[in-house]
Amino acid sequence: DSVKGRFTITRDNAKNTVYLQLNSLKAEDTAVYY
């Protein structure tokens, strides 16, 4: 709930890669992302 509307997860099959787009970042988003 804390990231809805700000973050987007997508996948590129050809590159075997998943992305996380982080927009409108806040101080409370500070963390190690796994």
PDB file of all heavy atoms in Angstrom:
ATOM      1  N   ASP A   1       0.825  -1.212   0.000  1.00  0.00           N
ATOM      2  CA  ASP A   1       0.000   0.000   0.000  1.00  0.00           C
ATOM      3  C   ASP A   1       0.863   1.267   0.000  1.00  0.00           C
ATOM      4  O   ASP A   1       0.483   2.275  -0.609  1.00  0.00           O
ATOM      5  CB  ASP A   1      -0.915   0.013   1.227  1.00  0.00           C
ATOM      6  CG  ASP A   1      -2.037  -0.999   1.113  1.00  0.00           C
ATOM      7  OD1 ASP A   1      -2.321  -1.463  -0.012  1.00  0.00           O
ATOM      8  OD2 ASP A   1      -2.634  -1.341   2.150  1.00  0.00           O
ATOM      9  N   SER A   2       2.004   1.208   0.643  1.00  0.00           N
ATOM     10  CA  SER A   2       2.849   2.392   0.787  1.00  0.00           C
ATOM     11  C   SER A   2       3.493   2.837  -0.521  1.00  0.00           C
ATOM     12  O   SER A   2       3.980   3.969  -0.612  1.00  0.00           O
ATOM     13  CB  SER A   2       3.950   2.122   1.818  1.00  0.00           C
ATOM     14  OG  SER A   2       4.753   1.021   1.427  1.00  0.00           O
ATOM     15  N   VAL A   3       3.486   1.968  -1.537  1.00  0.00           N
ATOM     16  CA  VAL A   3       4.136   2.327  -2.803  1.00  0.00           C
ATOM     17  C   VAL A   3       3.169   2.359  -3.974  1.00  0.00           C
ATOM     18  O   VAL A   3       3.572   2.711  -5.093  1.00  0.00           O
ATOM     19  CB  VAL A   3       5.312   1.372  -3.121  1.00  0.00           C
ATOM     20  CG1 VAL A   3       6.275   1.291  -1.954  1.00  0.00           C
ATOM     21  CG2 VAL A   3       4.810  -0.012  -3.512  1.00  0.00           C
ATOM     22  N   LYS A   4       1.913   2.002  -3.762  1.00  0.00           N
ATOM     23  CA  LYS A   4       0.942   2.000  -4.855  1.00  0.00           C
ATOM     24  C   LYS A   4       0.836   3.388  -5.476  1.00  0.00           C
ATOM     25  O   LYS A   4       0.735   4.394  -4.776  1.00  0.00           O
ATOM     26  CB  LYS A   4      -0.431   1.551  -4.345  1.00  0.00           C
ATOM     27  CG  LYS A   4      -0.562   0.058  -4.161  1.00  0.00           C
ATOM     28  CD  LYS A   4      -1.947  -0.336  -3.672  1.00  0.00           C
ATOM     29  CE  LYS A   4      -2.039  -1.837  -3.476  1.00  0.00           C
ATOM     30  NZ  LYS A   4      -3.353  -2.242  -2.919  1.00  0.00           N
ATOM     31  N   GLY A   5       0.865   3.413  -6.804  1.00  0.00           N
ATOM     32  CA  GLY A   5       0.787   4.676  -7.522  1.00  0.00           C
ATOM     33  C   GLY A   5       2.131   5.362  -7.699  1.00  0.00           C
ATOM     34  O   GLY A   5       2.238   6.331  -8.451  1.00  0.00           O
ATOM     35  N   ARG A   6       3.171   4.855  -7.018  1.00  0.00           N
ATOM     36  CA  ARG A   6       4.502   5.457  -7.141  1.00  0.00           C
ATOM     37  C   ARG A   6       5.514   4.496  -7.758  1.00  0.00           C
ATOM     38  O   ARG A   6       6.404   4.920  -8.494  1.00  0.00           O
ATOM     39  CB  ARG A   6       5.010   5.898  -5.764  1.00  0.00           C
ATOM     40  CG  ARG A   6       4.142   6.937  -5.078  1.00  0.00           C
ATOM     41  CD  ARG A   6       4.814   7.504  -3.825  1.00  0.00           C
ATOM     42  NE  ARG A   6       5.076   6.483  -2.813  1.00  0.00           N
ATOM     43  CZ  ARG A   6       6.278   6.220  -2.315  1.00  0.00           C
ATOM     44  NH1 ARG A   6       7.335   6.877  -2.749  1.00  0.00           N
ATOM     45  NH2 ARG A   6       6.427   5.282  -1.384  1.00  0.00           N
ATOM     46  N   PHE A   7       5.399   3.212  -7.442  1.00  0.00           N
ATOM     47  CA  PHE A   7       6.346   2.206  -7.938  1.00  0.00           C
ATOM     48  C   PHE A   7       5.650   1.310  -8.962  1.00  0.00           C
ATOM     49  O   PHE A   7       4.448   1.040  -8.845  1.00  0.00           O
ATOM     50  CB  PHE A   7       6.853   1.328  -6.796  1.00  0.00           C
ATOM     51  CG  PHE A   7       7.730   2.019  -5.786  1.00  0.00           C
ATOM     52  CD1 PHE A   7       7.958   3.386  -5.822  1.00  0.00           C
ATOM     53  CD2 PHE A   7       8.338   1.274  -4.781  1.00  0.00           C
ATOM     54  CE1 PHE A   7       8.762   4.008  -4.883  1.00  0.00           C
ATOM     55  CE2 PHE A   7       9.145   1.876  -3.832  1.00  0.00           C
ATOM     56  CZ  PHE A   7       9.353   3.253  -3.885  1.00  0.00           C
ATOM     57  N   THR A   8       6.420   0.840  -9.941  1.00  0.00           N
ATOM     58  CA  THR A   8       5.894  -0.062 -10.951  1.00  0.00           C
ATOM     59  C   THR A   8       6.876  -1.193 -11.207  1.00  0.00           C
ATOM     60  O   THR A   8       8.062  -0.935 -11.455  1.00  0.00           O
ATOM     61  CB  THR A   8       5.628   0.683 -12.272  1.00  0.00           C
ATOM     62  OG1 THR A   8       4.761   1.790 -12.035  1.00  0.00           O
ATOM     63  CG2 THR A   8       4.972  -0.255 -13.287  1.00  0.00           C
ATOM     64  N   ILE A   9       6.384  -2.420 -11.144  1.00  0.00           N
ATOM     65  CA  ILE A   9       7.216  -3.587 -11.448  1.00  0.00           C
ATOM     66  C   ILE A   9       6.882  -4.074 -12.852  1.00  0.00           C
ATOM     67  O   ILE A   9       5.708  -4.170 -13.231  1.00  0.00           O
ATOM     68  CB  ILE A   9       7.004  -4.709 -10.404  1.00  0.00           C
ATOM     69  CG1 ILE A   9       8.005  -5.840 -10.620  1.00  0.00           C
ATOM     70  CG2 ILE A   9       5.570  -5.216 -10.390  1.00  0.00           C
ATOM     71  CD1 ILE A   9       8.018  -6.876  -9.479  1.00  0.00           C
ATOM     72  N   THR A  10       7.937  -4.331 -13.633  1.00  0.00           N
ATOM     73  CA  THR A  10       7.758  -4.834 -14.993  1.00  0.00           C
ATOM     74  C   THR A  10       8.785  -5.931 -15.267  1.00  0.00           C
ATOM     75  O   THR A  10       9.742  -6.097 -14.512  1.00  0.00           O
ATOM     76  CB  THR A  10       7.917  -3.717 -16.038  1.00  0.00           C
ATOM     77  OG1 THR A  10       9.213  -3.120 -15.881  1.00  0.00           O
ATOM     78  CG2 THR A  10       6.840  -2.663 -15.900  1.00  0.00           C
ATOM     79  N   ARG A  11       8.567  -6.615 -16.383  1.00  0.00           N
ATOM     80  CA  ARG A  11       9.441  -7.742 -16.706  1.00  0.00           C
ATOM     81  C   ARG A  11       9.793  -7.688 -18.185  1.00  0.00           C
ATOM     82  O   ARG A  11       8.928  -7.414 -19.030  1.00  0.00           O
ATOM     83  CB  ARG A  11       8.706  -9.043 -16.386  1.00  0.00           C
ATOM     84  CG  ARG A  11       9.398 -10.325 -16.785  1.00  0.00           C
ATOM     85  CD  ARG A  11       8.442 -11.484 -16.600  1.00  0.00           C
ATOM     86  NE  ARG A  11       8.975 -12.709 -17.160  1.00  0.00           N
ATOM     87  CZ  ARG A  11       8.232 -13.720 -17.580  1.00  0.00           C
ATOM     88  NH1 ARG A  11       6.917 -13.642 -17.488  1.00  0.00           N
ATOM     89  NH2 ARG A  11       8.782 -14.815 -18.055  1.00  0.00           N
ATOM     90  N   ASP A  12      11.058  -7.949 -18.510  1.00  0.00           N
ATOM     91  CA  ASP A  12      11.529  -8.054 -19.889  1.00  0.00           C
ATOM     92  C   ASP A  12      11.966  -9.498 -20.094  1.00  0.00           C
ATOM     93  O   ASP A  12      13.036  -9.903 -19.636  1.00  0.00           O
ATOM     94  CB  ASP A  12      12.685  -7.084 -20.142  1.00  0.00           C
ATOM     95  CG  ASP A  12      13.125  -7.066 -21.591  1.00  0.00           C
ATOM     96  OD1 ASP A  12      12.995  -8.107 -22.276  1.00  0.00           O
ATOM     97  OD2 ASP A  12      13.611  -6.021 -22.036  1.00  0.00           O
ATOM     98  N   ASN A  13      11.115 -10.282 -20.771  1.00  0.00           N
ATOM     99  CA  ASN A  13      11.405 -11.706 -20.960  1.00  0.00           C
ATOM    100  C   ASN A  13      12.693 -11.926 -21.721  1.00  0.00           C
ATOM    101  O   ASN A  13      13.475 -12.824 -21.412  1.00  0.00           O
ATOM    102  CB  ASN A  13      10.266 -12.379 -21.704  1.00  0.00           C
ATOM    103  CG  ASN A  13       8.997 -12.429 -20.887  1.00  0.00           C
ATOM    104  OD1 ASN A  13       9.029 -12.237 -19.672  1.00  0.00           O
ATOM    105  ND2 ASN A  13       7.870 -12.661 -21.538  1.00  0.00           N
ATOM    106  N   ALA A  14      12.921 -11.109 -22.744  1.00  0.00           N
ATOM    107  CA  ALA A  14      14.091 -11.304 -23.606  1.00  0.00           C
ATOM    108  C   ALA A  14      15.399 -11.116 -22.840  1.00  0.00           C
ATOM    109  O   ALA A  14      16.410 -11.743 -23.166  1.00  0.00           O
ATOM    110  CB  ALA A  14      14.031 -10.351 -24.786  1.00  0.00           C
ATOM    111  N   LYS A  15      15.367 -10.254 -21.834  1.00  0.00           N
ATOM    112  CA  LYS A  15      16.581  -9.965 -21.062  1.00  0.00           C
ATOM    113  C   LYS A  15      16.605 -10.698 -19.727  1.00  0.00           C
ATOM    114  O   LYS A  15      17.542 -10.515 -18.946  1.00  0.00           O
ATOM    115  CB  LYS A  15      16.698  -8.464 -20.826  1.00  0.00           C
ATOM    116  CG  LYS A  15      16.867  -7.653 -22.091  1.00  0.00           C
ATOM    117  CD  LYS A  15      17.034  -6.172 -21.785  1.00  0.00           C
ATOM    118  CE  LYS A  15      17.254  -5.373 -23.055  1.00  0.00           C
ATOM    119  NZ  LYS A  15      17.425  -3.927 -22.783  1.00  0.00           N
ATOM    120  N   ASN A  16      15.560 -11.506 -19.462  1.00  0.00           N
ATOM    121  CA  ASN A  16      15.486 -12.217 -18.171  1.00  0.00           C
ATOM    122  C   ASN A  16      15.677 -11.251 -17.004  1.00  0.00           C
ATOM    123  O   ASN A  16      16.405 -11.542 -16.038  1.00  0.00           O
ATOM    124  CB  ASN A  16      16.533 -13.338 -18.104  1.00  0.00           C
ATOM    125  CG  ASN A  16      16.343 -14.382 -19.171  1.00  0.00           C
ATOM    126  OD1 ASN A  16      15.220 -14.774 -19.461  1.00  0.00           O
ATOM    127  ND2 ASN A  16      17.433 -14.796 -19.781  1.00  0.00           N
ATOM    128  N   THR A  17      15.018 -10.118 -17.109  1.00  0.00           N
ATOM    129  CA  THR A  17      15.211  -9.045 -16.142  1.00  0.00           C
ATOM    130  C   THR A  17      13.865  -8.511 -15.666  1.00  0.00           C
ATOM    131  O   THR A  17      12.934  -8.373 -16.462  1.00  0.00           O
ATOM    132  CB  THR A  17      16.036  -7.912 -16.754  1.00  0.00           C
ATOM    133  OG1 THR A  17      17.327  -8.413 -17.134  1.00  0.00           O
ATOM    134  CG2 THR A  17      16.232  -6.770 -15.768  1.00  0.00           C
ATOM    135  N   VAL A  18      13.801  -8.232 -14.371  1.00  0.00           N
ATOM    136  CA  VAL A  18      12.648  -7.576 -13.788  1.00  0.00           C
ATOM    137  C   VAL A  18      13.092  -6.204 -13.296  1.00  0.00           C
ATOM    138  O   VAL A  18      14.190  -6.067 -12.740  1.00  0.00           O
ATOM    139  CB  VAL A  18      12.068  -8.407 -12.627  1.00  0.00           C
ATOM    140  CG1 VAL A  18      11.037  -7.604 -11.834  1.00  0.00           C
ATOM    141  CG2 VAL A  18      11.412  -9.672 -13.157  1.00  0.00           C
ATOM    142  N   TYR A  19      12.241  -5.216 -13.518  1.00  0.00           N
ATOM    143  CA  TYR A  19      12.558  -3.845 -13.145  1.00  0.00           C
ATOM    144  C   TYR A  19      11.601  -3.346 -12.066  1.00  0.00           C
ATOM    145  O   TYR A  19      10.463  -3.807 -11.967  1.00  0.00           O
ATOM    146  CB  TYR A  19      12.447  -2.930 -14.364  1.00  0.00           C
ATOM    147  CG  TYR A  19      13.340  -3.315 -15.515  1.00  0.00           C
ATOM    148  CD1 TYR A  19      12.846  -4.075 -16.571  1.00  0.00           C
ATOM    149  CD2 TYR A  19      14.673  -2.921 -15.545  1.00  0.00           C
ATOM    150  CE1 TYR A  19      13.654  -4.433 -17.630  1.00  0.00           C
ATOM    151  CE2 TYR A  19      15.496  -3.275 -16.606  1.00  0.00           C
ATOM    152  CZ  TYR A  19      14.986  -4.030 -17.645  1.00  0.00           C
ATOM    153  OH  TYR A  19      15.798  -4.388 -18.689  1.00  0.00           O
ATOM    154  N   LEU A  20      12.080  -2.400 -11.297  1.00  0.00           N
ATOM    155  CA  LEU A  20      11.213  -1.678 -10.373  1.00  0.00           C
ATOM    156  C   LEU A  20      11.448  -0.199 -10.595  1.00  0.00           C
ATOM    157  O   LEU A  20      12.544   0.304 -10.327  1.00  0.00           O
ATOM    158  CB  LEU A  20      11.506  -2.058  -8.925  1.00  0.00           C
ATOM    159  CG  LEU A  20      10.561  -1.450  -7.894  1.00  0.00           C
ATOM    160  CD1 LEU A  20       9.146  -2.044  -8.054  1.00  0.00           C
ATOM    161  CD2 LEU A  20      11.061  -1.670  -6.466  1.00  0.00           C
ATOM    162  N   GLN A  21      10.440   0.471 -11.143  1.00  0.00           N
ATOM    163  CA  GLN A  21      10.499   1.915 -11.349  1.00  0.00           C
ATOM    164  C   GLN A  21      10.018   2.599 -10.082  1.00  0.00           C
ATOM    165  O   GLN A  21       8.879   2.352  -9.643  1.00  0.00           O
ATOM    166  CB  GLN A  21       9.645   2.328 -12.539  1.00  0.00           C
ATOM    167  CG  GLN A  21       9.634   3.815 -12.816  1.00  0.00           C
ATOM    168  CD  GLN A  21      10.968   4.348 -13.299  1.00  0.00           C
ATOM    169  OE1 GLN A  21      11.661   3.697 -14.070  1.00  0.00           O
ATOM    170  NE2 GLN A  21      11.351   5.528 -12.813  1.00  0.00           N
ATOM    171  N   LEU A  22      10.849   3.438  -9.499  1.00  0.00           N
ATOM    172  CA  LEU A  22      10.525   4.145  -8.264  1.00  0.00           C
ATOM    173  C   LEU A  22      10.355   5.630  -8.582  1.00  0.00           C
ATOM    174  O   LEU A  22      11.322   6.291  -8.979  1.00  0.00           O
ATOM    175  CB  LEU A  22      11.632   3.976  -7.215  1.00  0.00           C
ATOM    176  CG  LEU A  22      11.905   2.594  -6.612  1.00  0.00           C
ATOM    177  CD1 LEU A  22      12.486   1.623  -7.609  1.00  0.00           C
ATOM    178  CD2 LEU A  22      12.821   2.710  -5.407  1.00  0.00           C
ATOM    179  N   ASN A  23       9.156   6.145  -8.417  1.00  0.00           N
ATOM    180  CA  ASN A  23       8.874   7.560  -8.653  1.00  0.00           C
ATOM    181  C   ASN A  23       8.401   8.222  -7.359  1.00  0.00           C
ATOM    182  O   ASN A  23       7.975   7.547  -6.425  1.00  0.00           O
ATOM    183  CB  ASN A  23       7.805   7.724  -9.728  1.00  0.00           C
ATOM    184  CG  ASN A  23       8.244   7.215 -11.078  1.00  0.00           C
ATOM    185  OD1 ASN A  23       9.427   7.232 -11.421  1.00  0.00           O
ATOM    186  ND2 ASN A  23       7.280   6.761 -11.876  1.00  0.00           N
ATOM    187  N   SER A  24       8.472   9.549  -7.343  1.00  0.00           N
ATOM    188  CA  SER A  24       8.013  10.327  -6.186  1.00  0.00           C
ATOM    189  C   SER A  24       8.595   9.773  -4.885  1.00  0.00           C
ATOM    190  O   SER A  24       7.876   9.559  -3.905  1.00  0.00           O
ATOM    191  CB  SER A  24       6.479  10.321  -6.124  1.00  0.00           C
ATOM    192  OG  SER A  24       5.923  10.821  -7.318  1.00  0.00           O
ATOM    193  N   LEU A  25       9.885   9.581  -4.896  1.00  0.00           N
ATOM    194  CA  LEU A  25      10.539   8.941  -3.749  1.00  0.00           C
ATOM    195  C   LEU A  25      10.470   9.803  -2.499  1.00  0.00           C
ATOM    196  O   LEU A  25      10.537  11.042  -2.566  1.00  0.00           O
ATOM    197  CB  LEU A  25      11.981   8.597  -4.090  1.00  0.00           C
ATOM    198  CG  LEU A  25      12.136   7.340  -4.963  1.00  0.00           C
ATOM    199  CD1 LEU A  25      13.494   7.304  -5.644  1.00  0.00           C
ATOM    200  CD2 LEU A  25      11.933   6.091  -4.117  1.00  0.00           C
ATOM    201  N   LYS A  26      10.352   9.119  -1.372  1.00  0.00           N
ATOM    202  CA  LYS A  26      10.284   9.762  -0.065  1.00  0.00           C
ATOM    203  C   LYS A  26      11.434   9.256   0.806  1.00  0.00           C
ATOM    204  O   LYS A  26      12.006   8.195   0.547  1.00  0.00           O
ATOM    205  CB  LYS A  26       8.959   9.413   0.611  1.00  0.00           C
ATOM    206  CG  LYS A  26       7.725   9.707  -0.218  1.00  0.00           C
ATOM    207  CD  LYS A  26       6.474   9.209   0.495  1.00  0.00           C
ATOM    208  CE  LYS A  26       5.228   9.450  -0.335  1.00  0.00           C
ATOM    209  NZ  LYS A  26       4.005   8.948   0.350  1.00  0.00           N
ATOM    210  N   ALA A  27      11.714  10.000   1.846  1.00  0.00           N
ATOM    211  CA  ALA A  27      12.795   9.602   2.755  1.00  0.00           C
ATOM    212  C   ALA A  27      12.551   8.200   3.329  1.00  0.00           C
ATOM    213  O   ALA A  27      13.489   7.428   3.506  1.00  0.00           O
ATOM    214  CB  ALA A  27      12.933  10.618   3.879  1.00  0.00           C
ATOM    215  N   GLU A  28      11.286   7.884   3.558  1.00  0.00           N
ATOM    216  CA  GLU A  28      10.955   6.581   4.144  1.00  0.00           C
ATOM    217  C   GLU A  28      11.119   5.420   3.166  1.00  0.00           C
ATOM    218  O   GLU A  28      10.967   4.264   3.545  1.00  0.00           O
ATOM    219  CB  GLU A  28       9.539   6.569   4.718  1.00  0.00           C
ATOM    220  CG  GLU A  28       8.475   7.070   3.778  1.00  0.00           C
ATOM    221  CD  GLU A  28       8.140   8.537   3.998  1.00  0.00           C
ATOM    222  OE1 GLU A  28       9.075   9.341   4.213  1.00  0.00           O
ATOM    223  OE2 GLU A  28       6.941   8.879   3.953  1.00  0.00           O
ATOM    224  N   ASP A  29      11.442   5.722   1.909  1.00  0.00           N
ATOM    225  CA  ASP A  29      11.736   4.660   0.947  1.00  0.00           C
ATOM    226  C   ASP A  29      13.197   4.212   1.045  1.00  0.00           C
ATOM    227  O   ASP A  29      13.595   3.247   0.379  1.00  0.00           O
ATOM    228  CB  ASP A  29      11.456   5.134  -0.483  1.00  0.00           C
ATOM    229  CG  ASP A  29       9.991   5.411  -0.734  1.00  0.00           C
ATOM    230  OD1 ASP A  29       9.147   4.613  -0.284  1.00  0.00           O
ATOM    231  OD2 ASP A  29       9.689   6.438  -1.393  1.00  0.00           O
ATOM    232  N   THR A  30      13.983   4.908   1.846  1.00  0.00           N
ATOM    233  CA  THR A  30      15.385   4.540   2.018  1.00  0.00           C
ATOM    234  C   THR A  30      15.504   3.144   2.609  1.00  0.00           C
ATOM    235  O   THR A  30      14.923   2.852   3.653  1.00  0.00           O
ATOM    236  CB  THR A  30      16.091   5.555   2.941  1.00  0.00           C
ATOM    237  OG1 THR A  30      16.111   6.831   2.301  1.00  0.00           O
ATOM    238  CG2 THR A  30      17.510   5.114   3.245  1.00  0.00           C
ATOM    239  N   ALA A  31      16.250   2.283   1.921  1.00  0.00           N
ATOM    240  CA  ALA A  31      16.396   0.891   2.345  1.00  0.00           C
ATOM    241  C   ALA A  31      17.332   0.172   1.379  1.00  0.00           C
ATOM    242  O   ALA A  31      17.679   0.720   0.322  1.00  0.00           O
ATOM    243  CB  ALA A  31      15.042   0.184   2.355  1.00  0.00           C
ATOM    244  N   VAL A  32      17.693  -1.047   1.747  1.00  0.00           N
ATOM    245  CA  VAL A  32      18.328  -1.951   0.794  1.00  0.00           C
ATOM    246  C   VAL A  32      17.199  -2.706   0.100  1.00  0.00           C
ATOM    247  O   VAL A  32      16.326  -3.276   0.760  1.00  0.00           O
ATOM    248  CB  VAL A  32      19.296  -2.934   1.477  1.00  0.00           C
ATOM    249  CG1 VAL A  32      19.887  -3.891   0.445  1.00  0.00           C
ATOM    250  CG2 VAL A  32      20.400  -2.175   2.202  1.00  0.00           C
ATOM    251  N   TYR A  33      17.216  -2.689  -1.211  1.00  0.00           N
ATOM    252  CA  TYR A  33      16.191  -3.338  -2.007  1.00  0.00           C
ATOM    253  C   TYR A  33      16.739  -4.664  -2.542  1.00  0.00           C
ATOM    254  O   TYR A  33      17.813  -4.710  -3.148  1.00  0.00           O
ATOM    255  CB  TYR A  33      15.752  -2.439  -3.151  1.00  0.00           C
ATOM    256  CG  TYR A  33      14.846  -1.319  -2.695  1.00  0.00           C
ATOM    257  CD1 TYR A  33      15.330  -0.269  -1.917  1.00  0.00           C
ATOM    258  CD2 TYR A  33      13.490  -1.315  -3.018  1.00  0.00           C
ATOM    259  CE1 TYR A  33      14.497   0.743  -1.469  1.00  0.00           C
ATOM    260  CE2 TYR A  33      12.651  -0.300  -2.588  1.00  0.00           C
ATOM    261  CZ  TYR A  33      13.161   0.717  -1.809  1.00  0.00           C
ATOM    262  OH  TYR A  33      12.326   1.724  -1.365  1.00  0.00           O
ATOM    263  N   TYR A  34      15.966  -5.722  -2.294  1.00  0.00           N
ATOM    264  CA  TYR A  34      16.344  -7.067  -2.705  1.00  0.00           C
ATOM    265  C   TYR A  34      15.346  -7.607  -3.722  1.00  0.00           C
ATOM    266  O   TYR A  34      14.141  -7.390  -3.603  1.00  0.00           O
ATOM    267  CB  TYR A  34      16.361  -8.011  -1.507  1.00  0.00           C
ATOM    268  CG  TYR A  34      17.352  -7.665  -0.434  1.00  0.00           C
ATOM    269  CD1 TYR A  34      16.996  -6.830   0.625  1.00  0.00           C
ATOM    270  CD2 TYR A  34      18.645  -8.177  -0.451  1.00  0.00           C
ATOM    271  CE1 TYR A  34      17.893  -6.513   1.635  1.00  0.00           C
ATOM    272  CE2 TYR A  34      19.551  -7.872   0.552  1.00  0.00           C
ATOM    273  CZ  TYR A  34      19.167  -7.049   1.585  1.00  0.00           C
ATOM    274  OH  TYR A  34      20.070  -6.741   2.577  1.00  0.00           O
TER     275      TYR A  34
END
